[in-house]
Amino acid sequence: MAKQAAAPAVAAVADSPAAPAQQTLVLPTELTHAQAQACLRMLTQGLHPGPLPVVADASALASFDSSALAVLLACRREALSLGRAFTVRGLHPRLAGLARLYGIAELLPAQG
């Protein structure tokens, strides 16, 4: 039986009562070229202009290729075009290494 990857999700949440609200884009456990277009469509369909920052939560990513970086960059581009800040949480070390190798690490700032 084939392993089924979790679908990406979009949510507006506050991580704690003291934390400001944010819109979180939750990446699936698997994000390769085969899933990239559908994943990007699902992640960005709920983005609209507004004051909430956008956080891409990549902590669930376990199986990925460089298409995951393309999806993150496209989400960033969409968020910025809507006047919203963009950060990434839980970027896998191998994916962070790929981002550095490609010279795009500074475009995917870690949520701090």
PDB file of N, CA and C in Angstrom:
ATOM      1  N   MET A   1       0.844  -1.165   0.000  1.00  0.00           N
ATOM      2  CA  MET A   1       0.000   0.000   0.000  1.00  0.00           C
ATOM      3  C   MET A   1       0.889   1.227   0.000  1.00  0.00           C
ATOM      4  N   ALA A   2       0.602   2.200  -0.866  1.00  0.00           N
ATOM      5  CA  ALA A   2       1.404   3.405  -0.982  1.00  0.00           C
ATOM      6  C   ALA A   2       1.165   4.327   0.192  1.00  0.00           C
ATOM      7  N   LYS A   3       2.246   4.956   0.628  1.00  0.00           N
ATOM      8  CA  LYS A   3       2.158   5.922   1.719  1.00  0.00           C
ATOM      9  C   LYS A   3       1.505   7.195   1.186  1.00  0.00           C
ATOM     10  N   GLN A   4       0.504   7.698   1.874  1.00  0.00           N
ATOM     11  CA  GLN A   4      -0.198   8.891   1.440  1.00  0.00           C
ATOM     12  C   GLN A   4       0.344  10.099   2.188  1.00  0.00           C
ATOM     13  N   ALA A   5       0.744  11.128   1.449  1.00  0.00           N
ATOM     14  CA  ALA A   5       1.272  12.343   2.055  1.00  0.00           C
ATOM     15  C   ALA A   5       0.121  13.201   2.564  1.00  0.00           C
ATOM     16  N   ALA A   6       0.367  13.852   3.679  1.00  0.00           N
ATOM     17  CA  ALA A   6      -0.633  14.763   4.225  1.00  0.00           C
ATOM     18  C   ALA A   6      -0.772  15.963   3.304  1.00  0.00           C
ATOM     19  N   ALA A   7      -1.972  16.479   3.192  1.00  0.00           N
ATOM     20  CA  ALA A   7      -2.227  17.629   2.335  1.00  0.00           C
ATOM     21  C   ALA A   7      -1.758  18.898   3.025  1.00  0.00           C
ATOM     22  N   PRO A   8      -1.310  19.887   2.232  1.00  0.00           N
ATOM     23  CA  PRO A   8      -0.936  21.149   2.821  1.00  0.00           C
ATOM     24  C   PRO A   8      -2.165  21.829   3.422  1.00  0.00           C
ATOM     25  N   ALA A   9      -1.942  22.715   4.354  1.00  0.00           N
ATOM     26  CA  ALA A   9      -3.049  23.403   5.008  1.00  0.00           C
ATOM     27  C   ALA A   9      -2.714  24.871   5.203  1.00  0.00           C
ATOM     28  N   VAL A  10      -3.743  25.676   5.334  1.00  0.00           N
ATOM     29  CA  VAL A  10      -3.594  27.104   5.583  1.00  0.00           C
ATOM     30  C   VAL A  10      -4.432  27.448   6.794  1.00  0.00           C
ATOM     31  N   ALA A  11      -3.847  28.194   7.733  1.00  0.00           N
ATOM     32  CA  ALA A  11      -4.597  28.562   8.928  1.00  0.00           C
ATOM     33  C   ALA A  11      -4.111  29.903   9.449  1.00  0.00           C
ATOM     34  N   ALA A  12      -5.001  30.659  10.055  1.00  0.00           N
ATOM     35  CA  ALA A  12      -4.630  31.886  10.749  1.00  0.00           C
ATOM     36  C   ALA A  12      -4.639  31.555  12.230  1.00  0.00           C
ATOM     37  N   VAL A  13      -3.481  31.677  12.867  1.00  0.00           N
ATOM     38  CA  VAL A  13      -3.370  31.263  14.262  1.00  0.00           C
ATOM     39  C   VAL A  13      -2.465  32.198  15.042  1.00  0.00           C
ATOM     40  N   ALA A  14      -2.607  32.156  16.348  1.00  0.00           N
ATOM     41  CA  ALA A  14      -1.647  32.767  17.261  1.00  0.00           C
ATOM     42  C   ALA A  14      -0.993  31.620  17.995  1.00  0.00           C
ATOM     43  N   ASP A  15       0.341  31.574  17.995  1.00  0.00           N
ATOM     44  CA  ASP A  15       1.060  30.473  18.626  1.00  0.00           C
ATOM     45  C   ASP A  15       0.883  30.457  20.139  1.00  0.00           C
ATOM     46  N   SER A  16       0.662  31.610  20.729  1.00  0.00           N
ATOM     47  CA  SER A  16       0.390  31.699  22.153  1.00  0.00           C
ATOM     48  C   SER A  16      -0.439  32.953  22.374  1.00  0.00           C
ATOM     49  N   PRO A  17      -1.080  33.075  23.535  1.00  0.00           N
ATOM     50  CA  PRO A  17      -1.899  34.266  23.770  1.00  0.00           C
ATOM     51  C   PRO A  17      -1.112  35.567  23.633  1.00  0.00           C
ATOM     52  N   ALA A  18       0.176  35.548  23.943  1.00  0.00           N
ATOM     53  CA  ALA A  18       0.991  36.756  23.857  1.00  0.00           C
ATOM     54  C   ALA A  18       1.518  37.006  22.440  1.00  0.00           C
ATOM     55  N   ALA A  19       1.483  35.980  21.581  1.00  0.00           N
ATOM     56  CA  ALA A  19       2.022  36.104  20.231  1.00  0.00           C
ATOM     57  C   ALA A  19       0.995  36.736  19.300  1.00  0.00           C
ATOM     58  N   PRO A  20       1.478  37.552  18.372  1.00  0.00           N
ATOM     59  CA  PRO A  20       0.544  38.126  17.406  1.00  0.00           C
ATOM     60  C   PRO A  20       0.020  37.041  16.468  1.00  0.00           C
ATOM     61  N   ALA A  21      -1.142  37.268  15.922  1.00  0.00           N
ATOM     62  CA  ALA A  21      -1.720  36.311  14.974  1.00  0.00           C
ATOM     63  C   ALA A  21      -0.893  36.291  13.699  1.00  0.00           C
ATOM     64  N   GLN A  22      -0.946  35.169  13.022  1.00  0.00           N
ATOM     65  CA  GLN A  22      -0.239  34.998  11.752  1.00  0.00           C
ATOM     66  C   GLN A  22      -1.027  34.014  10.908  1.00  0.00           C
ATOM     67  N   GLN A  23      -0.771  34.045   9.625  1.00  0.00           N
ATOM     68  CA  GLN A  23      -1.368  33.033   8.759  1.00  0.00           C
ATOM     69  C   GLN A  23      -0.292  31.997   8.503  1.00  0.00           C
ATOM     70  N   THR A  24      -0.595  30.747   8.841  1.00  0.00           N
ATOM     71  CA  THR A  24       0.377  29.677   8.705  1.00  0.00           C
ATOM     72  C   THR A  24       0.037  28.797   7.512  1.00  0.00           C
ATOM     73  N   LEU A  25       1.032  28.584   6.668  1.00  0.00           N
ATOM     74  CA  LEU A  25       0.923  27.661   5.536  1.00  0.00           C
ATOM     75  C   LEU A  25       1.670  26.396   5.944  1.00  0.00           C
ATOM     76  N   VAL A  26       0.958  25.304   6.110  1.00  0.00           N
ATOM     77  CA  VAL A  26       1.571  24.059   6.579  1.00  0.00           C
ATOM     78  C   VAL A  26       1.896  23.171   5.379  1.00  0.00           C
ATOM     79  N   LEU A  27       3.188  22.934   5.182  1.00  0.00           N
ATOM     80  CA  LEU A  27       3.619  22.084   4.083  1.00  0.00           C
ATOM     81  C   LEU A  27       3.381  20.619   4.424  1.00  0.00           C
ATOM     82  N   PRO A  28       3.152  19.785   3.407  1.00  0.00           N
ATOM     83  CA  PRO A  28       2.893  18.353   3.650  1.00  0.00           C
ATOM     84  C   PRO A  28       4.172  17.607   3.998  1.00  0.00           C
ATOM     85  N   THR A  29       4.047  16.336   4.309  1.00  0.00           N
ATOM     86  CA  THR A  29       5.217  15.516   4.630  1.00  0.00           C
ATOM     87  C   THR A  29       6.050  15.200   3.391  1.00  0.00           C
ATOM     88  N   GLU A  30       5.411  15.168   2.228  1.00  0.00           N
ATOM     89  CA  GLU A  30       6.120  14.889   0.976  1.00  0.00           C
ATOM     90  C   GLU A  30       5.861  16.017   0.000  1.00  0.00           C
ATOM     91  N   LEU A  31       6.946  16.566  -0.547  1.00  0.00           N
ATOM     92  CA  LEU A  31       6.804  17.649  -1.527  1.00  0.00           C
ATOM     93  C   LEU A  31       7.912  17.523  -2.556  1.00  0.00           C
ATOM     94  N   THR A  32       7.558  16.848  -3.644  1.00  0.00           N
ATOM     95  CA  THR A  32       8.482  16.658  -4.763  1.00  0.00           C
ATOM     96  C   THR A  32       7.837  17.270  -6.003  1.00  0.00           C
ATOM     97  N   HIS A  33       8.517  17.146  -7.105  1.00  0.00           N
ATOM     98  CA  HIS A  33       8.017  17.706  -8.364  1.00  0.00           C
ATOM     99  C   HIS A  33       6.577  17.246  -8.647  1.00  0.00           C
ATOM    100  N   ALA A  34       6.267  16.002  -8.333  1.00  0.00           N
ATOM    101  CA  ALA A  34       4.934  15.454  -8.608  1.00  0.00           C
ATOM    102  C   ALA A  34       3.826  16.171  -7.850  1.00  0.00           C
ATOM    103  N   GLN A  35       4.120  16.700  -6.657  1.00  0.00           N
ATOM    104  CA  GLN A  35       3.094  17.355  -5.838  1.00  0.00           C
ATOM    105  C   GLN A  35       3.173  18.877  -5.875  1.00  0.00           C
ATOM    106  N   ALA A  36       4.207  19.433  -6.459  1.00  0.00           N
ATOM    107  CA  ALA A  36       4.489  20.870  -6.326  1.00  0.00           C
ATOM    108  C   ALA A  36       3.353  21.773  -6.794  1.00  0.00           C
ATOM    109  N   GLN A  37       2.833  21.569  -7.982  1.00  0.00           N
ATOM    110  CA  GLN A  37       1.783  22.465  -8.508  1.00  0.00           C
ATOM    111  C   GLN A  37       0.533  22.434  -7.643  1.00  0.00           C
ATOM    112  N   ALA A  38       0.064  21.256  -7.293  1.00  0.00           N
ATOM    113  CA  ALA A  38      -1.146  21.138  -6.477  1.00  0.00           C
ATOM    114  C   ALA A  38      -0.917  21.729  -5.092  1.00  0.00           C
ATOM    115  N   CYS A  39       0.248  21.475  -4.533  1.00  0.00           N
ATOM    116  CA  CYS A  39       0.566  22.000  -3.208  1.00  0.00           C
ATOM    117  C   CYS A  39       0.587  23.527  -3.231  1.00  0.00           C
ATOM    118  N   LEU A  40       1.246  24.097  -4.212  1.00  0.00           N
ATOM    119  CA  LEU A  40       1.314  25.553  -4.316  1.00  0.00           C
ATOM    120  C   LEU A  40      -0.074  26.157  -4.458  1.00  0.00           C
ATOM    121  N   ARG A  41      -0.890  25.560  -5.280  1.00  0.00           N
ATOM    122  CA  ARG A  41      -2.264  26.053  -5.483  1.00  0.00           C
ATOM    123  C   ARG A  41      -3.034  26.032  -4.159  1.00  0.00           C
ATOM    124  N   MET A  42      -2.921  24.945  -3.414  1.00  0.00           N
ATOM    125  CA  MET A  42      -3.635  24.833  -2.138  1.00  0.00           C
ATOM    126  C   MET A  42      -3.113  25.823  -1.106  1.00  0.00           C
ATOM    127  N   LEU A  43      -1.798  26.021  -1.072  1.00  0.00           N
ATOM    128  CA  LEU A  43      -1.220  26.911  -0.080  1.00  0.00           C
ATOM    129  C   LEU A  43      -1.550  28.373  -0.347  1.00  0.00           C
ATOM    130  N   THR A  44      -1.568  28.771  -1.600  1.00  0.00           N
ATOM    131  CA  THR A  44      -1.746  30.189  -1.916  1.00  0.00           C
ATOM    132  C   THR A  44      -3.191  30.608  -2.131  1.00  0.00           C
ATOM    133  N   GLN A  45      -4.104  29.674  -2.262  1.00  0.00           N
ATOM    134  CA  GLN A  45      -5.494  30.060  -2.556  1.00  0.00           C
ATOM    135  C   GLN A  45      -6.129  30.870  -1.433  1.00  0.00           C
ATOM    136  N   GLY A  46      -5.667  30.711  -0.219  1.00  0.00           N
ATOM    137  CA  GLY A  46      -6.256  31.430   0.896  1.00  0.00           C
ATOM    138  C   GLY A  46      -5.533  32.714   1.263  1.00  0.00           C
ATOM    139  N   LEU A  47      -4.496  33.063   0.499  1.00  0.00           N
ATOM    140  CA  LEU A  47      -3.770  34.295   0.797  1.00  0.00           C
ATOM    141  C   LEU A  47      -4.488  35.494   0.196  1.00  0.00           C
ATOM    142  N   HIS A  48      -4.693  36.506   1.019  1.00  0.00           N
ATOM    143  CA  HIS A  48      -5.340  37.739   0.598  1.00  0.00           C
ATOM    144  C   HIS A  48      -4.593  38.891   1.247  1.00  0.00           C
ATOM    145  N   PRO A  49      -4.730  40.107   0.715  1.00  0.00           N
ATOM    146  CA  PRO A  49      -4.092  41.248   1.379  1.00  0.00           C
ATOM    147  C   PRO A  49      -4.571  41.346   2.824  1.00  0.00           C
ATOM    148  N   GLY A  50      -3.697  41.757   3.684  1.00  0.00           N
ATOM    149  CA  GLY A  50      -4.060  41.900   5.086  1.00  0.00           C
ATOM    150  C   GLY A  50      -2.840  42.129   5.936  1.00  0.00           C
ATOM    151  N   PRO A  51      -3.046  42.386   7.194  1.00  0.00           N
ATOM    152  CA  PRO A  51      -1.924  42.716   8.070  1.00  0.00           C
ATOM    153  C   PRO A  51      -1.177  41.507   8.640  1.00  0.00           C
ATOM    154  N   LEU A  52      -1.775  40.334   8.611  1.00  0.00           N
ATOM    155  CA  LEU A  52      -1.132  39.172   9.239  1.00  0.00           C
ATOM    156  C   LEU A  52       0.107  38.732   8.462  1.00  0.00           C
ATOM    157  N   PRO A  53       1.215  38.480   9.162  1.00  0.00           N
ATOM    158  CA  PRO A  53       2.375  37.910   8.486  1.00  0.00           C
ATOM    159  C   PRO A  53       2.070  36.466   8.078  1.00  0.00           C
ATOM    160  N   VAL A  54       2.780  35.998   7.081  1.00  0.00           N
ATOM    161  CA  VAL A  54       2.628  34.627   6.593  1.00  0.00           C
ATOM    162  C   VAL A  54       3.837  33.825   7.048  1.00  0.00           C
ATOM    163  N   VAL A  55       3.563  32.666   7.662  1.00  0.00           N
ATOM    164  CA  VAL A  55       4.619  31.757   8.113  1.00  0.00           C
ATOM    165  C   VAL A  55       4.417  30.420   7.411  1.00  0.00           C
ATOM    166  N   ALA A  56       5.435  29.985   6.670  1.00  0.00           N
ATOM    167  CA  ALA A  56       5.393  28.668   6.048  1.00  0.00           C
ATOM    168  C   ALA A  56       5.991  27.681   7.047  1.00  0.00           C
ATOM    169  N   ASP A  57       5.182  26.739   7.502  1.00  0.00           N
ATOM    170  CA  ASP A  57       5.639  25.733   8.457  1.00  0.00           C
ATOM    171  C   ASP A  57       6.093  24.501   7.679  1.00  0.00           C
ATOM    172  N   ALA A  58       7.397  24.332   7.589  1.00  0.00           N
ATOM    173  CA  ALA A  58       7.979  23.228   6.830  1.00  0.00           C
ATOM    174  C   ALA A  58       8.428  22.084   7.730  1.00  0.00           C
ATOM    175  N   SER A  59       8.036  22.110   8.986  1.00  0.00           N
ATOM    176  CA  SER A  59       8.539  21.122   9.945  1.00  0.00           C
ATOM    177  C   SER A  59       8.087  19.693   9.655  1.00  0.00           C
ATOM    178  N   ALA A  60       7.010  19.505   8.913  1.00  0.00           N
ATOM    179  CA  ALA A  60       6.535  18.157   8.604  1.00  0.00           C
ATOM    180  C   ALA A  60       7.250  17.538   7.399  1.00  0.00           C
ATOM    181  N   LEU A  61       7.952  18.355   6.617  1.00  0.00           N
ATOM    182  CA  LEU A  61       8.610  17.839   5.414  1.00  0.00           C
ATOM    183  C   LEU A  61       9.602  16.741   5.756  1.00  0.00           C
ATOM    184  N   ALA A  62       9.397  15.580   5.173  1.00  0.00           N
ATOM    185  CA  ALA A  62      10.301  14.453   5.384  1.00  0.00           C
ATOM    186  C   ALA A  62      10.878  13.966   4.053  1.00  0.00           C
ATOM    187  N   SER A  63      10.090  14.050   3.000  1.00  0.00           N
ATOM    188  CA  SER A  63      10.513  13.620   1.672  1.00  0.00           C
ATOM    189  C   SER A  63      10.314  14.794   0.726  1.00  0.00           C
ATOM    190  N   PHE A  64      11.417  15.264   0.113  1.00  0.00           N
ATOM    191  CA  PHE A  64      11.324  16.459  -0.723  1.00  0.00           C
ATOM    192  C   PHE A  64      12.464  16.477  -1.726  1.00  0.00           C
ATOM    193  N   ASP A  65      12.307  17.333  -2.708  1.00  0.00           N
ATOM    194  CA  ASP A  65      13.386  17.629  -3.638  1.00  0.00           C
ATOM    195  C   ASP A  65      13.425  19.149  -3.789  1.00  0.00           C
ATOM    196  N   SER A  66      14.173  19.648  -4.737  1.00  0.00           N
ATOM    197  CA  SER A  66      14.318  21.094  -4.880  1.00  0.00           C
ATOM    198  C   SER A  66      12.999  21.777  -5.237  1.00  0.00           C
ATOM    199  N   SER A  67      12.002  21.027  -5.638  1.00  0.00           N
ATOM    200  CA  SER A  67      10.681  21.615  -5.907  1.00  0.00           C
ATOM    201  C   SER A  67      10.094  22.240  -4.648  1.00  0.00           C
ATOM    202  N   ALA A  68      10.460  21.731  -3.477  1.00  0.00           N
ATOM    203  CA  ALA A  68       9.984  22.316  -2.225  1.00  0.00           C
ATOM    204  C   ALA A  68      10.477  23.754  -2.091  1.00  0.00           C
ATOM    205  N   LEU A  69      11.704  24.012  -2.536  1.00  0.00           N
ATOM    206  CA  LEU A  69      12.211  25.385  -2.514  1.00  0.00           C
ATOM    207  C   LEU A  69      11.420  26.263  -3.479  1.00  0.00           C
ATOM    208  N   ALA A  70      11.102  25.722  -4.642  1.00  0.00           N
ATOM    209  CA  ALA A  70      10.317  26.492  -5.612  1.00  0.00           C
ATOM    210  C   ALA A  70       8.949  26.848  -5.038  1.00  0.00           C
ATOM    211  N   VAL A  71       8.332  25.920  -4.331  1.00  0.00           N
ATOM    212  CA  VAL A  71       7.028  26.178  -3.705  1.00  0.00           C
ATOM    213  C   VAL A  71       7.163  27.258  -2.633  1.00  0.00           C
ATOM    214  N   LEU A  72       8.188  27.156  -1.796  1.00  0.00           N
ATOM    215  CA  LEU A  72       8.395  28.168  -0.764  1.00  0.00           C
ATOM    216  C   LEU A  72       8.646  29.542  -1.374  1.00  0.00           C
ATOM    217  N   LEU A  73       9.444  29.603  -2.426  1.00  0.00           N
ATOM    218  CA  LEU A  73       9.710  30.888  -3.075  1.00  0.00           C
ATOM    219  C   LEU A  73       8.453  31.472  -3.709  1.00  0.00           C
ATOM    220  N   ALA A  74       7.620  30.623  -4.291  1.00  0.00           N
ATOM    221  CA  ALA A  74       6.374  31.097  -4.884  1.00  0.00           C
ATOM    222  C   ALA A  74       5.411  31.605  -3.807  1.00  0.00           C
ATOM    223  N   CYS A  75       5.357  30.922  -2.665  1.00  0.00           N
ATOM    224  CA  CYS A  75       4.532  31.393  -1.543  1.00  0.00           C
ATOM    225  C   CYS A  75       5.043  32.739  -1.052  1.00  0.00           C
ATOM    226  N   ARG A  76       6.356  32.869  -0.949  1.00  0.00           N
ATOM    227  CA  ARG A  76       6.960  34.134  -0.536  1.00  0.00           C
ATOM    228  C   ARG A  76       6.590  35.243  -1.506  1.00  0.00           C
ATOM    229  N   ARG A  77       6.743  34.970  -2.782  1.00  0.00           N
ATOM    230  CA  ARG A  77       6.428  35.960  -3.821  1.00  0.00           C
ATOM    231  C   ARG A  77       4.975  36.405  -3.714  1.00  0.00           C
ATOM    232  N   GLU A  78       4.064  35.462  -3.513  1.00  0.00           N
ATOM    233  CA  GLU A  78       2.638  35.785  -3.396  1.00  0.00           C
ATOM    234  C   GLU A  78       2.375  36.608  -2.135  1.00  0.00           C
ATOM    235  N   ALA A  79       2.963  36.210  -1.020  1.00  0.00           N
ATOM    236  CA  ALA A  79       2.767  36.950   0.238  1.00  0.00           C
ATOM    237  C   ALA A  79       3.282  38.380   0.103  1.00  0.00           C
ATOM    238  N   LEU A  80       4.478  38.533  -0.434  1.00  0.00           N
ATOM    239  CA  LEU A  80       5.048  39.873  -0.587  1.00  0.00           C
ATOM    240  C   LEU A  80       4.245  40.723  -1.551  1.00  0.00           C
ATOM    241  N   SER A  81       3.696  40.114  -2.603  1.00  0.00           N
ATOM    242  CA  SER A  81       2.881  40.874  -3.554  1.00  0.00           C
ATOM    243  C   SER A  81       1.596  41.384  -2.908  1.00  0.00           C
ATOM    244  N   LEU A  82       1.185  40.740  -1.820  1.00  0.00           N
ATOM    245  CA  LEU A  82      -0.005  41.152  -1.076  1.00  0.00           C
ATOM    246  C   LEU A  82       0.347  42.065   0.097  1.00  0.00           C
ATOM    247  N   GLY A  83       1.619  42.457   0.177  1.00  0.00           N
ATOM    248  CA  GLY A  83       2.059  43.357   1.225  1.00  0.00           C
ATOM    249  C   GLY A  83       2.233  42.705   2.583  1.00  0.00           C
ATOM    250  N   ARG A  84       2.487  41.408   2.591  1.00  0.00           N
ATOM    251  CA  ARG A  84       2.595  40.657   3.844  1.00  0.00           C
ATOM    252  C   ARG A  84       4.021  40.161   4.046  1.00  0.00           C
ATOM    253  N   ALA A  85       4.449  40.135   5.293  1.00  0.00           N
ATOM    254  CA  ALA A  85       5.771  39.587   5.624  1.00  0.00           C
ATOM    255  C   ALA A  85       5.737  38.071   5.455  1.00  0.00           C
ATOM    256  N   PHE A  86       6.896  37.467   5.200  1.00  0.00           N
ATOM    257  CA  PHE A  86       6.981  36.023   4.983  1.00  0.00           C
ATOM    258  C   PHE A  86       8.195  35.461   5.706  1.00  0.00           C
ATOM    259  N   THR A  87       7.980  34.405   6.471  1.00  0.00           N
ATOM    260  CA  THR A  87       9.072  33.674   7.119  1.00  0.00           C
ATOM    261  C   THR A  87       8.802  32.180   7.015  1.00  0.00           C
ATOM    262  N   VAL A  88       9.822  31.395   7.333  1.00  0.00           N
ATOM    263  CA  VAL A  88       9.716  29.932   7.278  1.00  0.00           C
ATOM    264  C   VAL A  88      10.063  29.375   8.649  1.00  0.00           C
ATOM    265  N   ARG A  89       9.282  28.394   9.091  1.00  0.00           N
ATOM    266  CA  ARG A  89       9.526  27.721  10.363  1.00  0.00           C
ATOM    267  C   ARG A  89       9.825  26.243  10.081  1.00  0.00           C
ATOM    268  N   GLY A  90      10.828  25.698  10.761  1.00  0.00           N
ATOM    269  CA  GLY A  90      11.087  24.263  10.705  1.00  0.00           C
ATOM    270  C   GLY A  90      11.680  23.769   9.404  1.00  0.00           C
ATOM    271  N   LEU A  91      12.491  24.585   8.753  1.00  0.00           N
ATOM    272  CA  LEU A  91      13.100  24.153   7.493  1.00  0.00           C
ATOM    273  C   LEU A  91      14.107  23.033   7.763  1.00  0.00           C
ATOM    274  N   HIS A  92      13.925  21.907   7.104  1.00  0.00           N
ATOM    275  CA  HIS A  92      14.803  20.752   7.259  1.00  0.00           C
ATOM    276  C   HIS A  92      16.245  21.167   6.923  1.00  0.00           C
ATOM    277  N   PRO A  93      17.231  20.693   7.682  1.00  0.00           N
ATOM    278  CA  PRO A  93      18.627  21.081   7.421  1.00  0.00           C
ATOM    279  C   PRO A  93      19.091  20.792   5.991  1.00  0.00           C
ATOM    280  N   ARG A  94      18.653  19.677   5.417  1.00  0.00           N
ATOM    281  CA  ARG A  94      19.046  19.375   4.026  1.00  0.00           C
ATOM    282  C   ARG A  94      18.447  20.384   3.056  1.00  0.00           C
ATOM    283  N   LEU A  95      17.201  20.803   3.307  1.00  0.00           N
ATOM    284  CA  LEU A  95      16.567  21.786   2.434  1.00  0.00           C
ATOM    285  C   LEU A  95      17.206  23.161   2.631  1.00  0.00           C
ATOM    286  N   ALA A  96      17.558  23.489   3.862  1.00  0.00           N
ATOM    287  CA  ALA A  96      18.272  24.744   4.131  1.00  0.00           C
ATOM    288  C   ALA A  96      19.623  24.736   3.422  1.00  0.00           C
ATOM    289  N   GLY A  97      20.279  23.571   3.412  1.00  0.00           N
ATOM    290  CA  GLY A  97      21.554  23.437   2.703  1.00  0.00           C
ATOM    291  C   GLY A  97      21.393  23.647   1.207  1.00  0.00           C
ATOM    292  N   LEU A  98      20.331  23.101   0.639  1.00  0.00           N
ATOM    293  CA  LEU A  98      20.052  23.329  -0.787  1.00  0.00           C
ATOM    294  C   LEU A  98      19.817  24.806  -1.061  1.00  0.00           C
ATOM    295  N   ALA A  99      19.084  25.467  -0.184  1.00  0.00           N
ATOM    296  CA  ALA A  99      18.814  26.901  -0.350  1.00  0.00           C
ATOM    297  C   ALA A  99      20.130  27.687  -0.333  1.00  0.00           C
ATOM    298  N   ARG A 100      21.046  27.332   0.570  1.00  0.00           N
ATOM    299  CA  ARG A 100      22.352  28.001   0.606  1.00  0.00           C
ATOM    300  C   ARG A 100      23.136  27.714  -0.671  1.00  0.00           C
ATOM    301  N   LEU A 101      23.118  26.457  -1.122  1.00  0.00           N
ATOM    302  CA  LEU A 101      23.827  26.068  -2.338  1.00  0.00           C
ATOM    303  C   LEU A 101      23.335  26.865  -3.543  1.00  0.00           C
ATOM    304  N   TYR A 102      22.023  27.068  -3.626  1.00  0.00           N
ATOM    305  CA  TYR A 102      21.432  27.814  -4.740  1.00  0.00           C
ATOM    306  C   TYR A 102      21.504  29.327  -4.554  1.00  0.00           C
ATOM    307  N   GLY A 103      21.985  29.783  -3.384  1.00  0.00           N
ATOM    308  CA  GLY A 103      22.121  31.212  -3.137  1.00  0.00           C
ATOM    309  C   GLY A 103      20.808  31.920  -2.831  1.00  0.00           C
ATOM    310  N   ILE A 104      19.830  31.176  -2.294  1.00  0.00           N
ATOM    311  CA  ILE A 104      18.523  31.776  -2.028  1.00  0.00           C
ATOM    312  C   ILE A 104      18.129  31.718  -0.546  1.00  0.00           C
ATOM    313  N   ALA A 105      19.056  31.323   0.313  1.00  0.00           N
ATOM    314  CA  ALA A 105      18.744  31.151   1.729  1.00  0.00           C
ATOM    315  C   ALA A 105      18.189  32.431   2.355  1.00  0.00           C
ATOM    316  N   GLU A 106      18.724  33.582   1.952  1.00  0.00           N
ATOM    317  CA  GLU A 106      18.251  34.846   2.535  1.00  0.00           C
ATOM    318  C   GLU A 106      16.828  35.187   2.109  1.00  0.00           C
ATOM    319  N   LEU A 107      16.314  34.537   1.092  1.00  0.00           N
ATOM    320  CA  LEU A 107      14.935  34.772   0.651  1.00  0.00           C
ATOM    321  C   LEU A 107      13.928  33.976   1.492  1.00  0.00           C
ATOM    322  N   LEU A 108      14.432  33.046   2.291  1.00  0.00           N
ATOM    323  CA  LEU A 108      13.578  32.200   3.127  1.00  0.00           C
ATOM    324  C   LEU A 108      13.970  32.378   4.591  1.00  0.00           C
ATOM    325  N   PRO A 109      13.728  33.564   5.141  1.00  0.00           N
ATOM    326  CA  PRO A 109      14.152  33.819   6.527  1.00  0.00           C
ATOM    327  C   PRO A 109      13.414  32.953   7.528  1.00  0.00           C
ATOM    328  N   ALA A 110      14.161  32.501   8.524  1.00  0.00           N
ATOM    329  CA  ALA A 110      13.583  31.682   9.586  1.00  0.00           C
ATOM    330  C   ALA A 110      12.714  32.546  10.493  1.00  0.00           C
ATOM    331  N   GLN A 111      11.617  31.980  10.935  1.00  0.00           N
ATOM    332  CA  GLN A 111      10.753  32.698  11.883  1.00  0.00           C
ATOM    333  C   GLN A 111      11.529  32.808  13.186  1.00  0.00           C
ATOM    334  N   GLY A 112      11.607  34.005  13.720  1.00  0.00           N
ATOM    335  CA  GLY A 112      12.408  34.163  14.908  1.00  0.00           C
ATOM    336  C   GLY A 112      11.692  34.809  15.970  1.00  0.00           C
TER     337      GLY A 112
END
